[in-house]
Amino acid sequence: MLIIFALFYFSEVYSFNMKKETSKPNYNLERDIGGVICGVDEVGRGPLAGPVIAAAVILDPANIPLHLNDSKKLSAKKRQALNDIIIATAEYAYGEASLEEIDELNILHASLLAMSRAVANLPRKVDHVLVDGNKLPALDAPATAVIKGDQKSVSIAAASIIAKIKRDFLMKNLAKMHPEYGWERNSGYGTREHMEALSLVGPSRFHRKSFAPIRDLMTQENNIND
């Protein structure tokens, strides 16, 4: 037990491997660690456009919403309903990494930066942070990286849900300025609709210049103009 506690306290990466990966997230990690725990997750590593959004959530142990799960496993309707419950019953904050930071730092480090900002923006300090994935962002509290954490911890699952809703809302607003890309439907991911629009009209100022499809299109445009 002392060894396990030391792993938690000194913020080591620890993979909570489960035999049944299909099991739903629960509050076991939070209960075992004790104290004020927040879960943090990010959304938007894969899209060709838009920022990365992270969320940090401190759930009320006496009022944990039912049916929390990885946001990707939920329908849009269920995701929105859970989002509304989470923001009404939990403490939470968001963090963002801009397009410029994504292009300058790379998507991994920009994602970690967004996570750091989300935790820093929480209304109070926490005793421990549960981070989705296998990398830890810079934090002022002990932390544990949990591989597939949004399928194991309800705190991380809650963070994944509100981060997804936040980013989808942002992309729908950007779509009003650039309706040709269909961002209100694809959230900036490289769908057929999005790629066809890129081939016709080229990238916008909201596209990630460091991502290969966008970088290649910009190189082609520069070659044509030379």
Protein backbone atom coordinates (compact mmCIF):
# COMPACT_ATOMS: atom_id res chain seq x y z
CA MET A 1 0.00 0.00 0.00
CA LEU A 2 2.87 2.39 0.78
CA ILE A 3 4.34 1.83 -2.68
CA ILE A 4 1.01 2.54 -4.36
CA PHE A 5 0.55 5.67 -2.26
CA ALA A 6 4.02 6.88 -3.22
CA LEU A 7 3.17 6.44 -6.88
CA PHE A 8 0.14 8.67 -6.43
CA TYR A 9 1.89 11.31 -4.34
CA PHE A 10 4.87 11.79 -6.59
CA SER A 11 2.72 12.10 -9.69
CA GLU A 12 3.96 9.03 -11.49
CA VAL A 13 2.23 7.74 -14.58
CA TYR A 14 0.18 4.75 -13.55
CA SER A 15 -1.86 2.64 -15.94
CA PHE A 16 -5.03 1.23 -14.40
CA ASN A 17 -5.45 -1.74 -16.69
CA MET A 18 -8.75 -3.54 -16.40
CA LYS A 19 -9.54 -6.99 -17.72
CA LYS A 20 -12.91 -5.74 -18.89
CA GLU A 21 -12.29 -2.57 -20.88
CA THR A 22 -16.03 -2.36 -21.53
CA SER A 23 -16.79 -1.67 -17.85
CA LYS A 24 -18.19 1.78 -17.16
CA PRO A 25 -16.31 4.44 -15.18
CA ASN A 26 -16.77 4.57 -11.41
CA TYR A 27 -15.61 6.51 -8.34
CA ASN A 28 -13.12 3.89 -7.12
CA LEU A 29 -9.93 5.79 -7.98
CA GLU A 30 -11.20 8.96 -6.35
CA ARG A 31 -12.28 7.08 -3.22
CA ASP A 32 -8.98 5.20 -2.93
CA ILE A 33 -6.87 8.35 -3.22
CA GLY A 34 -9.05 10.50 -0.96
CA GLY A 35 -9.34 14.24 -0.56
CA VAL A 36 -10.48 16.72 -3.18
CA ILE A 37 -10.03 15.05 -6.57
CA CYS A 38 -10.50 16.50 -10.03
CA GLY A 39 -10.59 14.73 -13.37
CA VAL A 40 -9.20 16.41 -16.46
CA ASP A 41 -9.56 15.56 -20.14
CA GLU A 42 -9.16 17.33 -23.46
CA VAL A 43 -11.06 17.35 -26.73
CA GLY A 44 -9.81 18.33 -30.16
CA ARG A 45 -6.45 16.69 -30.76
CA GLY A 46 -7.45 15.23 -34.12
CA PRO A 47 -9.34 18.00 -35.95
CA LEU A 48 -7.79 20.04 -38.74
CA ALA A 49 -9.33 23.27 -37.43
CA GLY A 50 -10.08 24.99 -34.16
CA PRO A 51 -8.41 25.03 -30.74
CA VAL A 52 -7.94 22.29 -28.17
CA ILE A 53 -10.33 22.52 -25.23
CA ALA A 54 -9.76 20.85 -21.85
CA ALA A 55 -12.03 20.62 -18.84
CA ALA A 56 -11.39 19.88 -15.17
CA VAL A 57 -14.21 18.62 -12.95
CA ILE A 58 -14.56 18.15 -9.18
CA LEU A 59 -17.58 15.93 -8.61
CA ASP A 60 -19.64 16.05 -5.44
CA PRO A 61 -19.21 12.51 -4.00
CA ALA A 62 -22.76 12.68 -2.65
CA ASN A 63 -24.25 13.76 -5.96
CA ILE A 64 -22.52 11.93 -8.81
CA PRO A 65 -24.59 12.02 -12.03
CA LEU A 66 -25.79 8.65 -13.29
CA HIS A 67 -24.66 7.17 -16.62
CA LEU A 68 -21.35 9.06 -16.89
CA ASN A 69 -19.14 7.62 -19.61
CA ASP A 70 -16.53 8.49 -22.21
CA SER A 71 -18.10 11.31 -24.24
CA LYS A 72 -17.40 9.44 -27.49
CA LYS A 73 -19.65 6.59 -26.33
CA LEU A 74 -22.66 8.83 -25.73
CA SER A 75 -25.28 10.11 -28.14
CA ALA A 76 -25.39 13.87 -28.69
CA LYS A 77 -28.67 14.06 -26.76
CA LYS A 78 -27.33 12.08 -23.80
CA ARG A 79 -24.08 14.07 -23.82
CA GLN A 80 -25.95 17.38 -23.66
CA ALA A 81 -28.21 16.15 -20.85
CA LEU A 82 -25.23 14.99 -18.79
CA ASN A 83 -23.38 18.23 -19.50
CA ASP A 84 -26.27 20.20 -18.03
CA ILE A 85 -26.31 18.02 -14.92
CA ILE A 86 -22.54 18.23 -14.44
CA ILE A 87 -22.35 22.02 -14.63
CA ALA A 88 -25.28 22.25 -12.20
CA THR A 89 -23.87 19.88 -9.58
CA ALA A 90 -20.05 19.93 -9.87
CA GLU A 91 -17.19 22.42 -9.76
CA TYR A 92 -15.52 22.78 -13.14
CA ALA A 93 -13.30 24.91 -15.33
CA TYR A 94 -12.08 25.01 -18.92
CA GLY A 95 -8.68 25.55 -20.49
CA GLU A 96 -7.82 26.27 -24.11
CA ALA A 97 -4.77 26.09 -26.34
CA SER A 98 -4.98 28.33 -29.38
CA LEU A 99 -4.27 27.57 -33.02
CA GLU A 100 -1.00 29.46 -32.72
CA GLU A 101 0.04 27.38 -29.71
CA ILE A 102 -0.88 24.15 -31.50
CA ASP A 103 1.25 25.11 -34.50
CA GLU A 104 4.14 26.33 -32.35
CA LEU A 105 4.26 23.66 -29.65
CA ASN A 106 2.74 20.63 -31.48
CA ILE A 107 -0.63 19.11 -30.64
CA LEU A 108 0.57 16.98 -27.71
CA HIS A 109 2.14 19.85 -25.79
CA ALA A 110 -0.75 22.16 -26.66
CA SER A 111 -3.16 19.58 -25.24
CA LEU A 112 -1.15 19.34 -22.02
CA LEU A 113 -1.12 23.14 -21.81
CA ALA A 114 -4.91 23.27 -22.13
CA MET A 115 -5.19 20.70 -19.31
CA SER A 116 -2.87 22.73 -17.07
CA ARG A 117 -4.99 25.82 -17.66
CA ALA A 118 -8.22 23.97 -16.91
CA VAL A 119 -6.95 22.79 -13.51
CA ALA A 120 -5.51 26.24 -12.73
CA ASN A 121 -8.89 27.80 -13.49
CA LEU A 122 -10.77 25.69 -10.94
CA PRO A 123 -12.42 27.66 -8.11
CA ARG A 124 -10.30 25.91 -5.47
CA LYS A 125 -7.13 23.88 -5.13
CA VAL A 126 -7.35 20.11 -5.32
CA ASP A 127 -5.47 17.38 -3.50
CA HIS A 128 -4.99 15.18 -6.57
CA VAL A 129 -5.59 15.30 -10.31
CA LEU A 130 -6.63 12.34 -12.45
CA VAL A 131 -5.47 12.95 -16.02
CA ASP A 132 -6.73 11.06 -19.05
CA GLY A 133 -3.90 9.49 -21.06
CA ASN A 134 -0.29 8.55 -20.38
CA LYS A 135 1.27 12.02 -20.07
CA LEU A 136 1.02 14.51 -17.21
CA PRO A 137 0.70 18.27 -17.75
CA ALA A 138 2.48 20.77 -15.50
CA LEU A 139 0.38 20.96 -12.34
CA ASP A 140 0.59 22.36 -8.81
CA ALA A 141 -0.87 19.19 -7.30
CA PRO A 142 0.02 15.50 -7.27
CA ALA A 143 -1.40 13.77 -10.34
CA THR A 144 -1.93 10.38 -11.90
CA ALA A 145 -2.12 9.66 -15.62
CA VAL A 146 -4.85 7.10 -16.27
CA ILE A 147 -4.81 5.38 -19.65
CA LYS A 148 -8.37 5.32 -21.03
CA GLY A 149 -9.28 7.30 -17.95
CA ASP A 150 -12.60 8.45 -19.36
CA GLN A 151 -13.67 4.79 -19.26
CA LYS A 152 -12.45 4.24 -15.68
CA SER A 153 -12.97 7.42 -13.65
CA VAL A 154 -16.28 9.26 -13.46
CA SER A 155 -14.40 12.51 -12.82
CA ILE A 156 -12.45 12.15 -16.07
CA ALA A 157 -15.59 11.03 -17.90
CA ALA A 158 -17.40 14.15 -16.69
CA ALA A 159 -14.51 16.31 -17.89
CA SER A 160 -14.60 14.64 -21.31
CA ILE A 161 -18.32 15.38 -21.64
CA ILE A 162 -18.26 19.08 -20.80
CA ALA A 163 -15.08 19.63 -22.86
CA LYS A 164 -16.77 18.03 -25.88
CA ILE A 165 -19.91 20.17 -25.50
CA LYS A 166 -17.81 23.32 -25.08
CA ARG A 167 -15.70 22.67 -28.17
CA ASP A 168 -18.65 21.64 -30.35
CA PHE A 169 -20.40 24.91 -29.41
CA LEU A 170 -17.28 26.87 -30.33
CA MET A 171 -16.98 25.12 -33.70
CA LYS A 172 -20.65 25.79 -34.47
CA ASN A 173 -19.99 29.49 -33.91
CA LEU A 174 -16.93 29.38 -36.18
CA ALA A 175 -19.08 27.63 -38.80
CA LYS A 176 -21.23 30.75 -39.03
CA MET A 177 -18.19 32.57 -40.41
CA HIS A 178 -17.11 29.67 -42.63
CA PRO A 179 -20.20 27.57 -43.50
CA GLU A 180 -18.41 25.94 -46.43
CA TYR A 181 -16.49 23.50 -44.19
CA GLY A 182 -19.46 22.03 -42.31
CA TRP A 183 -17.87 22.53 -38.89
CA GLU A 184 -21.28 22.49 -37.21
CA ARG A 185 -21.42 18.82 -38.23
CA ASN A 186 -17.80 17.66 -38.24
CA SER A 187 -16.29 19.86 -35.48
CA GLY A 188 -13.24 20.43 -37.66
CA TYR A 189 -12.38 16.76 -38.22
CA GLY A 190 -11.21 15.67 -41.66
CA THR A 191 -14.50 14.30 -42.97
CA ARG A 192 -15.18 13.95 -46.69
CA GLU A 193 -17.28 17.12 -46.60
CA HIS A 194 -14.49 19.06 -44.92
CA MET A 195 -11.76 17.75 -47.21
CA GLU A 196 -13.79 18.49 -50.35
CA ALA A 197 -14.33 22.06 -49.17
CA LEU A 198 -10.62 22.43 -48.48
CA SER A 199 -9.78 21.27 -52.01
CA LEU A 200 -12.22 23.82 -53.45
CA VAL A 201 -11.65 26.93 -51.34
CA GLY A 202 -8.45 26.18 -49.43
CA PRO A 203 -7.83 26.58 -45.69
CA SER A 204 -9.11 29.38 -43.47
CA ARG A 205 -7.33 31.26 -40.69
CA PHE A 206 -8.88 28.79 -38.23
CA HIS A 207 -7.10 25.77 -39.73
CA ARG A 208 -4.01 24.24 -38.15
CA LYS A 209 -1.10 25.07 -40.42
CA SER A 210 1.16 22.44 -38.85
CA PHE A 211 -1.19 19.55 -39.68
CA ALA A 212 -0.13 17.66 -42.81
CA PRO A 213 -3.31 18.07 -44.94
CA ILE A 214 -3.37 21.83 -44.33
CA ARG A 215 0.38 22.22 -44.69
CA ASP A 216 0.31 20.33 -47.99
CA LEU A 217 -2.53 22.49 -49.35
CA MET A 218 -0.70 25.67 -48.39
CA THR A 219 2.47 24.39 -50.07
CA GLN A 220 0.51 23.66 -53.26
CA GLU A 221 -1.01 27.15 -53.21
CA ASN A 222 2.41 28.73 -52.75
CA ASN A 223 3.83 26.71 -55.64
CA ILE A 224 0.98 27.84 -57.90
CA ASN A 225 1.50 31.47 -56.93
CA ASP A 226 5.28 31.34 -57.49
